[in-house]
Amino acid sequence: MPDLSPADLVLLSPDRFASTSPRKSDAHIRLDGAGTVAETELAESVVIAALLTLERDGHITLTRAPKKELLGLRKTHAVHAARTPGSSTALPGPTEATLLAAVPEAPAEVDEVVYRWLGDDTPNPDALLLGRACHGLIERGLVERTETTTKKWFLTHTDVSFSLPESTRAAIAAADVSALSTLVADAGGRPEFAETLRTEIRQGLSRRVEAQDYDFPD
């Protein structure tokens, strides 16, 4: 039976970590083929699960602290992440490993960590994040990807579908998805911390939105 990391479980049980997508533009196709979920929520949940797991396993320290904005007139909060020196616990999965590599030794706001981690500007940072994570599942044999090509006249159309092998379904059934869902929702009994963490992650992803070039007539 394959080992599934928390980030893997979010992707493989998306209905436990994201709501049904209200808009087609925000729809992420579930890897089990059972409909779609909200892409934005799922991307945030993948990162939250990975960060909280790294914190739980002693790889990083996460701290919520006040910060001032608008020339000090409005006080908000931020979550800072710092790598723990000398941590030797095995990493649970590739998403967690690459995210840890973006965490510095000195505390940095999580939005900066996510910005560094994603690495590229793109029109849709959520799709890029989820696409990379899903590709990792396919490479490890945890998800099967099938392409079906049809031709009509001079047009060629390719449909892509995904399915879960029985070994992956068994691993999901054996995992404590409920406990992970609760952790992602309230960060282990820290609802304000969880809310701030999700805001930080969204800010980091939003900073990677590619600027659009517009051509205006002379």
C-alpha atoms as a PDB file:
ATOM      1  CA  MET A   1       0.000   0.000   0.000  1.00  0.00           C
ATOM      2  CA  PRO A   2       1.506   3.380  -0.996  1.00  0.00           C
ATOM      3  CA  ASP A   3       2.315   6.052   1.570  1.00  0.00           C
ATOM      4  CA  LEU A   4       0.238   9.202   1.123  1.00  0.00           C
ATOM      5  CA  SER A   5       1.384  12.531   2.511  1.00  0.00           C
ATOM      6  CA  PRO A   6      -1.127  15.078   3.850  1.00  0.00           C
ATOM      7  CA  ALA A   7      -0.812  17.128   0.650  1.00  0.00           C
ATOM      8  CA  ASP A   8      -1.519  13.950  -1.349  1.00  0.00           C
ATOM      9  CA  LEU A   9      -4.624  13.248   0.713  1.00  0.00           C
ATOM     10  CA  VAL A  10      -5.996  16.741   0.094  1.00  0.00           C
ATOM     11  CA  LEU A  11      -5.714  16.192  -3.651  1.00  0.00           C
ATOM     12  CA  LEU A  12      -7.137  12.667  -3.492  1.00  0.00           C
ATOM     13  CA  SER A  13     -10.053  13.534  -1.160  1.00  0.00           C
ATOM     14  CA  PRO A  14     -10.808  17.055  -2.420  1.00  0.00           C
ATOM     15  CA  ASP A  15     -14.440  17.151  -1.294  1.00  0.00           C
ATOM     16  CA  ARG A  16     -13.196  17.103   2.321  1.00  0.00           C
ATOM     17  CA  PHE A  17     -11.061  20.214   1.817  1.00  0.00           C
ATOM     18  CA  ALA A  18     -12.910  22.384  -0.720  1.00  0.00           C
ATOM     19  CA  SER A  19     -16.498  23.197  -1.569  1.00  0.00           C
ATOM     20  CA  THR A  20     -18.247  22.516  -4.859  1.00  0.00           C
ATOM     21  CA  SER A  21     -17.143  25.061  -7.421  1.00  0.00           C
ATOM     22  CA  PRO A  22     -19.798  27.724  -8.035  1.00  0.00           C
ATOM     23  CA  ARG A  23     -18.011  28.971 -11.188  1.00  0.00           C
ATOM     24  CA  LYS A  24     -16.631  27.078 -14.167  1.00  0.00           C
ATOM     25  CA  SER A  25     -13.540  29.313 -14.114  1.00  0.00           C
ATOM     26  CA  ASP A  26     -12.744  28.118 -10.577  1.00  0.00           C
ATOM     27  CA  ALA A  27     -13.458  24.429 -11.164  1.00  0.00           C
ATOM     28  CA  HIS A  28     -10.832  21.773 -10.485  1.00  0.00           C
ATOM     29  CA  ILE A  29     -11.622  18.326 -11.889  1.00  0.00           C
ATOM     30  CA  ARG A  30     -11.414  15.695  -9.164  1.00  0.00           C
ATOM     31  CA  LEU A  31      -8.828  12.994  -9.780  1.00  0.00           C
ATOM     32  CA  ASP A  32     -11.410  10.290  -9.084  1.00  0.00           C
ATOM     33  CA  GLY A  33     -13.600  11.709 -11.855  1.00  0.00           C
ATOM     34  CA  ALA A  34     -16.459  12.528  -9.482  1.00  0.00           C
ATOM     35  CA  GLY A  35     -17.122  16.129 -10.482  1.00  0.00           C
ATOM     36  CA  THR A  36     -15.287  19.325  -9.559  1.00  0.00           C
ATOM     37  CA  VAL A  37     -14.363  21.383  -6.496  1.00  0.00           C
ATOM     38  CA  ALA A  38     -13.332  25.008  -5.992  1.00  0.00           C
ATOM     39  CA  GLU A  39      -9.793  25.382  -7.299  1.00  0.00           C
ATOM     40  CA  THR A  40      -8.876  28.307  -5.050  1.00  0.00           C
ATOM     41  CA  GLU A  41      -9.926  26.530  -1.848  1.00  0.00           C
ATOM     42  CA  LEU A  42      -8.202  23.296  -2.821  1.00  0.00           C
ATOM     43  CA  ALA A  43      -4.901  25.027  -3.633  1.00  0.00           C
ATOM     44  CA  GLU A  44      -4.941  26.808  -0.276  1.00  0.00           C
ATOM     45  CA  SER A  45      -5.763  23.568   1.545  1.00  0.00           C
ATOM     46  CA  VAL A  46      -2.833  21.737  -0.082  1.00  0.00           C
ATOM     47  CA  VAL A  47      -0.430  24.374   1.239  1.00  0.00           C
ATOM     48  CA  ILE A  48      -2.063  24.528   4.684  1.00  0.00           C
ATOM     49  CA  ALA A  49      -1.871  20.747   5.068  1.00  0.00           C
ATOM     50  CA  ALA A  50       1.785  20.729   4.026  1.00  0.00           C
ATOM     51  CA  LEU A  51       2.801  23.614   6.317  1.00  0.00           C
ATOM     52  CA  LEU A  52       0.976  22.279   9.365  1.00  0.00           C
ATOM     53  CA  THR A  53       2.519  18.851   8.799  1.00  0.00           C
ATOM     54  CA  LEU A  54       5.991  20.382   8.616  1.00  0.00           C
ATOM     55  CA  GLU A  55       5.213  22.217  11.862  1.00  0.00           C
ATOM     56  CA  ARG A  56       3.876  19.062  13.537  1.00  0.00           C
ATOM     57  CA  ASP A  57       6.950  17.061  12.549  1.00  0.00           C
ATOM     58  CA  GLY A  58       9.324  19.713  13.874  1.00  0.00           C
ATOM     59  CA  HIS A  59      10.736  20.895  10.540  1.00  0.00           C
ATOM     60  CA  ILE A  60       9.458  24.469  10.861  1.00  0.00           C
ATOM     61  CA  THR A  61       8.056  26.885  13.410  1.00  0.00           C
ATOM     62  CA  LEU A  62       4.893  28.832  12.568  1.00  0.00           C
ATOM     63  CA  THR A  63       4.123  31.955  14.612  1.00  0.00           C
ATOM     64  CA  ARG A  64       1.163  34.335  14.358  1.00  0.00           C
ATOM     65  CA  ALA A  65       2.125  37.890  15.258  1.00  0.00           C
ATOM     66  CA  PRO A  66       0.670  41.406  14.877  1.00  0.00           C
ATOM     67  CA  LYS A  67       1.813  43.648  12.077  1.00  0.00           C
ATOM     68  CA  LYS A  68       0.965  47.207  11.162  1.00  0.00           C
ATOM     69  CA  GLU A  69      -0.170  48.399   7.764  1.00  0.00           C
ATOM     70  CA  LEU A  70      -1.257  51.721   6.274  1.00  0.00           C
ATOM     71  CA  LEU A  71       1.391  53.750   8.097  1.00  0.00           C
ATOM     72  CA  GLY A  72       0.576  52.024  11.355  1.00  0.00           C
ATOM     73  CA  LEU A  73      -3.080  53.068  11.348  1.00  0.00           C
ATOM     74  CA  ARG A  74      -4.434  49.541  10.948  1.00  0.00           C
ATOM     75  CA  LYS A  75      -3.068  46.537  12.815  1.00  0.00           C
ATOM     76  CA  THR A  76      -3.450  43.068  11.354  1.00  0.00           C
ATOM     77  CA  HIS A  77      -1.717  39.733  11.873  1.00  0.00           C
ATOM     78  CA  ALA A  78       0.680  37.616   9.841  1.00  0.00           C
ATOM     79  CA  VAL A  79       2.017  34.085  10.169  1.00  0.00           C
ATOM     80  CA  HIS A  80       5.785  33.722  10.062  1.00  0.00           C
ATOM     81  CA  ALA A  81       7.607  30.524   9.118  1.00  0.00           C
ATOM     82  CA  ALA A  82      11.166  29.581  10.040  1.00  0.00           C
ATOM     83  CA  ARG A  83      13.093  26.386   9.463  1.00  0.00           C
ATOM     84  CA  THR A  84      14.022  24.413  12.588  1.00  0.00           C
ATOM     85  CA  PRO A  85      17.797  23.798  12.732  1.00  0.00           C
ATOM     86  CA  GLY A  86      18.885  20.174  12.818  1.00  0.00           C
ATOM     87  CA  SER A  87      15.497  18.585  12.132  1.00  0.00           C
ATOM     88  CA  SER A  88      16.015  14.957  11.132  1.00  0.00           C
ATOM     89  CA  THR A  89      12.458  13.639  10.814  1.00  0.00           C
ATOM     90  CA  ALA A  90      11.726  12.086   7.417  1.00  0.00           C
ATOM     91  CA  LEU A  91       9.652  14.262   5.112  1.00  0.00           C
ATOM     92  CA  PRO A  92       6.168  12.899   4.340  1.00  0.00           C
ATOM     93  CA  GLY A  93       6.035  13.704   0.629  1.00  0.00           C
ATOM     94  CA  PRO A  94       7.407  15.712  -2.329  1.00  0.00           C
ATOM     95  CA  THR A  95       5.064  18.675  -1.893  1.00  0.00           C
ATOM     96  CA  GLU A  96       6.138  19.038   1.719  1.00  0.00           C
ATOM     97  CA  ALA A  97       9.799  18.645   0.727  1.00  0.00           C
ATOM     98  CA  THR A  98       9.754  21.376  -1.920  1.00  0.00           C
ATOM     99  CA  LEU A  99       7.795  23.705   0.365  1.00  0.00           C
ATOM    100  CA  LEU A 100      10.308  23.176   3.171  1.00  0.00           C
ATOM    101  CA  ALA A 101      13.104  24.173   0.786  1.00  0.00           C
ATOM    102  CA  ALA A 102      11.411  27.586   0.388  1.00  0.00           C
ATOM    103  CA  VAL A 103      11.300  28.241   4.146  1.00  0.00           C
ATOM    104  CA  PRO A 104      14.288  30.288   5.350  1.00  0.00           C
ATOM    105  CA  GLU A 105      16.103  29.920   8.664  1.00  0.00           C
ATOM    106  CA  ALA A 106      15.130  33.454   9.719  1.00  0.00           C
ATOM    107  CA  PRO A 107      11.357  33.977  10.134  1.00  0.00           C
ATOM    108  CA  ALA A 108       9.560  35.142   6.982  1.00  0.00           C
ATOM    109  CA  GLU A 109       5.910  35.805   6.339  1.00  0.00           C
ATOM    110  CA  VAL A 110       4.161  32.818   4.808  1.00  0.00           C
ATOM    111  CA  ASP A 111       3.027  34.833   1.787  1.00  0.00           C
ATOM    112  CA  GLU A 112       6.707  35.346   0.915  1.00  0.00           C
ATOM    113  CA  VAL A 113       7.427  31.632   1.411  1.00  0.00           C
ATOM    114  CA  VAL A 114       4.569  30.660  -0.930  1.00  0.00           C
ATOM    115  CA  TYR A 115       5.696  33.262  -3.475  1.00  0.00           C
ATOM    116  CA  ARG A 116       9.227  31.816  -3.497  1.00  0.00           C
ATOM    117  CA  TRP A 117       7.955  28.247  -3.564  1.00  0.00           C
ATOM    118  CA  LEU A 118       5.710  28.680  -6.606  1.00  0.00           C
ATOM    119  CA  GLY A 119       8.620  30.232  -8.475  1.00  0.00           C
ATOM    120  CA  ASP A 120       6.882  31.402 -11.653  1.00  0.00           C
ATOM    121  CA  ASP A 121       4.396  34.099 -12.582  1.00  0.00           C
ATOM    122  CA  THR A 122       1.344  32.677 -14.328  1.00  0.00           C
ATOM    123  CA  PRO A 123      -2.210  33.701 -15.246  1.00  0.00           C
ATOM    124  CA  ASN A 124      -3.521  31.076 -12.789  1.00  0.00           C
ATOM    125  CA  PRO A 125      -1.249  30.295  -9.801  1.00  0.00           C
ATOM    126  CA  ASP A 126      -3.823  27.907  -8.293  1.00  0.00           C
ATOM    127  CA  ALA A 127      -3.884  25.771 -11.444  1.00  0.00           C
ATOM    128  CA  LEU A 128      -0.069  25.776 -11.593  1.00  0.00           C
ATOM    129  CA  LEU A 129       0.208  24.638  -7.975  1.00  0.00           C
ATOM    130  CA  LEU A 130      -2.387  21.882  -8.358  1.00  0.00           C
ATOM    131  CA  GLY A 131      -1.025  20.821 -11.728  1.00  0.00           C
ATOM    132  CA  ARG A 132       2.453  20.287 -10.322  1.00  0.00           C
ATOM    133  CA  ALA A 133       1.135  18.342  -7.342  1.00  0.00           C
ATOM    134  CA  CYS A 134      -1.143  16.184  -9.513  1.00  0.00           C
ATOM    135  CA  HIS A 135       1.712  15.492 -11.933  1.00  0.00           C
ATOM    136  CA  GLY A 136       3.733  14.217  -8.981  1.00  0.00           C
ATOM    137  CA  LEU A 137       0.928  11.786  -8.112  1.00  0.00           C
ATOM    138  CA  ILE A 138       0.846  10.517 -11.690  1.00  0.00           C
ATOM    139  CA  GLU A 139       4.640  10.064 -11.778  1.00  0.00           C
ATOM    140  CA  ARG A 140       4.483   8.002  -8.577  1.00  0.00           C
ATOM    141  CA  GLY A 141       1.748   5.782  -9.984  1.00  0.00           C
ATOM    142  CA  LEU A 142      -0.846   6.981  -7.478  1.00  0.00           C
ATOM    143  CA  VAL A 143      -3.113   8.375 -10.214  1.00  0.00           C
ATOM    144  CA  GLU A 144      -3.681   7.040 -13.731  1.00  0.00           C
ATOM    145  CA  ARG A 145      -3.996   9.504 -16.616  1.00  0.00           C
ATOM    146  CA  THR A 146      -5.694   8.499 -19.875  1.00  0.00           C
ATOM    147  CA  GLU A 147      -5.838  10.432 -23.152  1.00  0.00           C
ATOM    148  CA  THR A 148      -8.523   9.710 -25.739  1.00  0.00           C
ATOM    149  CA  THR A 149      -8.145  11.293 -29.172  1.00  0.00           C
ATOM    150  CA  THR A 150     -10.999  11.591 -31.630  1.00  0.00           C
ATOM    151  CA  LYS A 151     -10.930  12.928 -35.172  1.00  0.00           C
ATOM    152  CA  LYS A 152     -13.766  14.475 -37.148  1.00  0.00           C
ATOM    153  CA  TRP A 153     -13.034  15.849 -40.552  1.00  0.00           C
ATOM    154  CA  PHE A 154      -9.912  17.963 -40.147  1.00  0.00           C
ATOM    155  CA  LEU A 155     -10.276  18.477 -36.413  1.00  0.00           C
ATOM    156  CA  THR A 156      -8.562  16.474 -33.685  1.00  0.00           C
ATOM    157  CA  HIS A 157      -9.841  16.569 -30.119  1.00  0.00           C
ATOM    158  CA  THR A 158      -8.120  15.052 -27.087  1.00  0.00           C
ATOM    159  CA  ASP A 159      -9.932  14.274 -23.842  1.00  0.00           C
ATOM    160  CA  VAL A 160      -7.949  13.666 -20.650  1.00  0.00           C
ATOM    161  CA  SER A 161      -9.367  11.631 -17.799  1.00  0.00           C
ATOM    162  CA  PHE A 162      -8.012  10.467 -14.451  1.00  0.00           C
ATOM    163  CA  SER A 163      -8.676   7.455 -12.274  1.00  0.00           C
ATOM    164  CA  LEU A 164      -7.394   6.019  -9.000  1.00  0.00           C
ATOM    165  CA  PRO A 165      -5.811   2.554  -8.840  1.00  0.00           C
ATOM    166  CA  GLU A 166      -7.221   0.189  -6.223  1.00  0.00           C
ATOM    167  CA  SER A 167      -3.997   0.514  -4.193  1.00  0.00           C
ATOM    168  CA  THR A 168      -4.504   4.282  -3.958  1.00  0.00           C
ATOM    169  CA  ARG A 169      -8.167   3.879  -2.982  1.00  0.00           C
ATOM    170  CA  ALA A 170      -7.107   1.442  -0.256  1.00  0.00           C
ATOM    171  CA  ALA A 171      -4.492   3.882   1.032  1.00  0.00           C
ATOM    172  CA  ILE A 172      -7.079   6.683   1.204  1.00  0.00           C
ATOM    173  CA  ALA A 173      -9.506   4.418   3.070  1.00  0.00           C
ATOM    174  CA  ALA A 174      -6.788   3.520   5.578  1.00  0.00           C
ATOM    175  CA  ALA A 175      -5.800   7.155   6.197  1.00  0.00           C
ATOM    176  CA  ASP A 176      -7.382   9.390   8.821  1.00  0.00           C
ATOM    177  CA  VAL A 177      -8.776  11.941   6.396  1.00  0.00           C
ATOM    178  CA  SER A 178     -11.201  13.310   9.009  1.00  0.00           C
ATOM    179  CA  ALA A 179      -8.354  14.270  11.353  1.00  0.00           C
ATOM    180  CA  LEU A 180      -6.504  15.981   8.514  1.00  0.00           C
ATOM    181  CA  SER A 181      -9.656  17.838   7.468  1.00  0.00           C
ATOM    182  CA  THR A 182     -10.070  19.122  11.026  1.00  0.00           C
ATOM    183  CA  LEU A 183      -6.412  20.165  11.164  1.00  0.00           C
ATOM    184  CA  VAL A 184      -6.699  22.115   7.914  1.00  0.00           C
ATOM    185  CA  ALA A 185      -9.941  23.765   9.094  1.00  0.00           C
ATOM    186  CA  ASP A 186      -8.747  25.034  12.492  1.00  0.00           C
ATOM    187  CA  ALA A 187      -4.976  24.382  12.662  1.00  0.00           C
ATOM    188  CA  GLY A 188      -5.296  22.105  15.667  1.00  0.00           C
ATOM    189  CA  GLY A 189      -7.731  24.190  17.714  1.00  0.00           C
ATOM    190  CA  ARG A 190      -6.351  27.548  16.503  1.00  0.00           C
ATOM    191  CA  PRO A 191      -9.143  28.988  14.323  1.00  0.00           C
ATOM    192  CA  GLU A 192      -7.716  32.522  14.166  1.00  0.00           C
ATOM    193  CA  PHE A 193      -4.319  31.104  13.266  1.00  0.00           C
ATOM    194  CA  ALA A 194      -5.909  28.993  10.497  1.00  0.00           C
ATOM    195  CA  GLU A 195      -7.758  32.028   9.110  1.00  0.00           C
ATOM    196  CA  THR A 196      -4.599  34.148   9.041  1.00  0.00           C
ATOM    197  CA  LEU A 197      -2.604  31.298   7.499  1.00  0.00           C
ATOM    198  CA  ARG A 198      -5.119  30.893   4.677  1.00  0.00           C
ATOM    199  CA  THR A 199      -5.036  34.660   4.051  1.00  0.00           C
ATOM    200  CA  GLU A 200      -1.227  34.609   3.887  1.00  0.00           C
ATOM    201  CA  ILE A 201      -1.267  31.725   1.407  1.00  0.00           C
ATOM    202  CA  ARG A 202      -3.806  33.514  -0.791  1.00  0.00           C
ATOM    203  CA  GLN A 203      -1.651  36.664  -0.768  1.00  0.00           C
ATOM    204  CA  GLY A 204       1.419  34.670  -1.790  1.00  0.00           C
ATOM    205  CA  LEU A 205      -0.434  32.984  -4.645  1.00  0.00           C
ATOM    206  CA  SER A 206      -1.974  36.276  -5.795  1.00  0.00           C
ATOM    207  CA  ARG A 207       1.478  37.846  -6.040  1.00  0.00           C
ATOM    208  CA  ARG A 208       2.277  35.275  -8.738  1.00  0.00           C
ATOM    209  CA  VAL A 209      -0.547  36.384 -11.034  1.00  0.00           C
ATOM    210  CA  GLU A 210       1.089  37.304 -14.309  1.00  0.00           C
ATOM    211  CA  ALA A 211       0.694  40.924 -15.342  1.00  0.00           C
ATOM    212  CA  GLN A 212      -1.389  41.332 -18.477  1.00  0.00           C
ATOM    213  CA  ASP A 213      -0.051  43.387 -21.370  1.00  0.00           C
ATOM    214  CA  TYR A 214      -2.593  45.500 -23.184  1.00  0.00           C
ATOM    215  CA  ASP A 215      -2.071  47.079 -26.581  1.00  0.00           C
ATOM    216  CA  PHE A 216      -3.849  50.399 -26.921  1.00  0.00           C
ATOM    217  CA  PRO A 217      -4.357  52.084 -30.277  1.00  0.00           C
ATOM    218  CA  ASP A 218      -2.238  55.152 -30.966  1.00  0.00           C
END
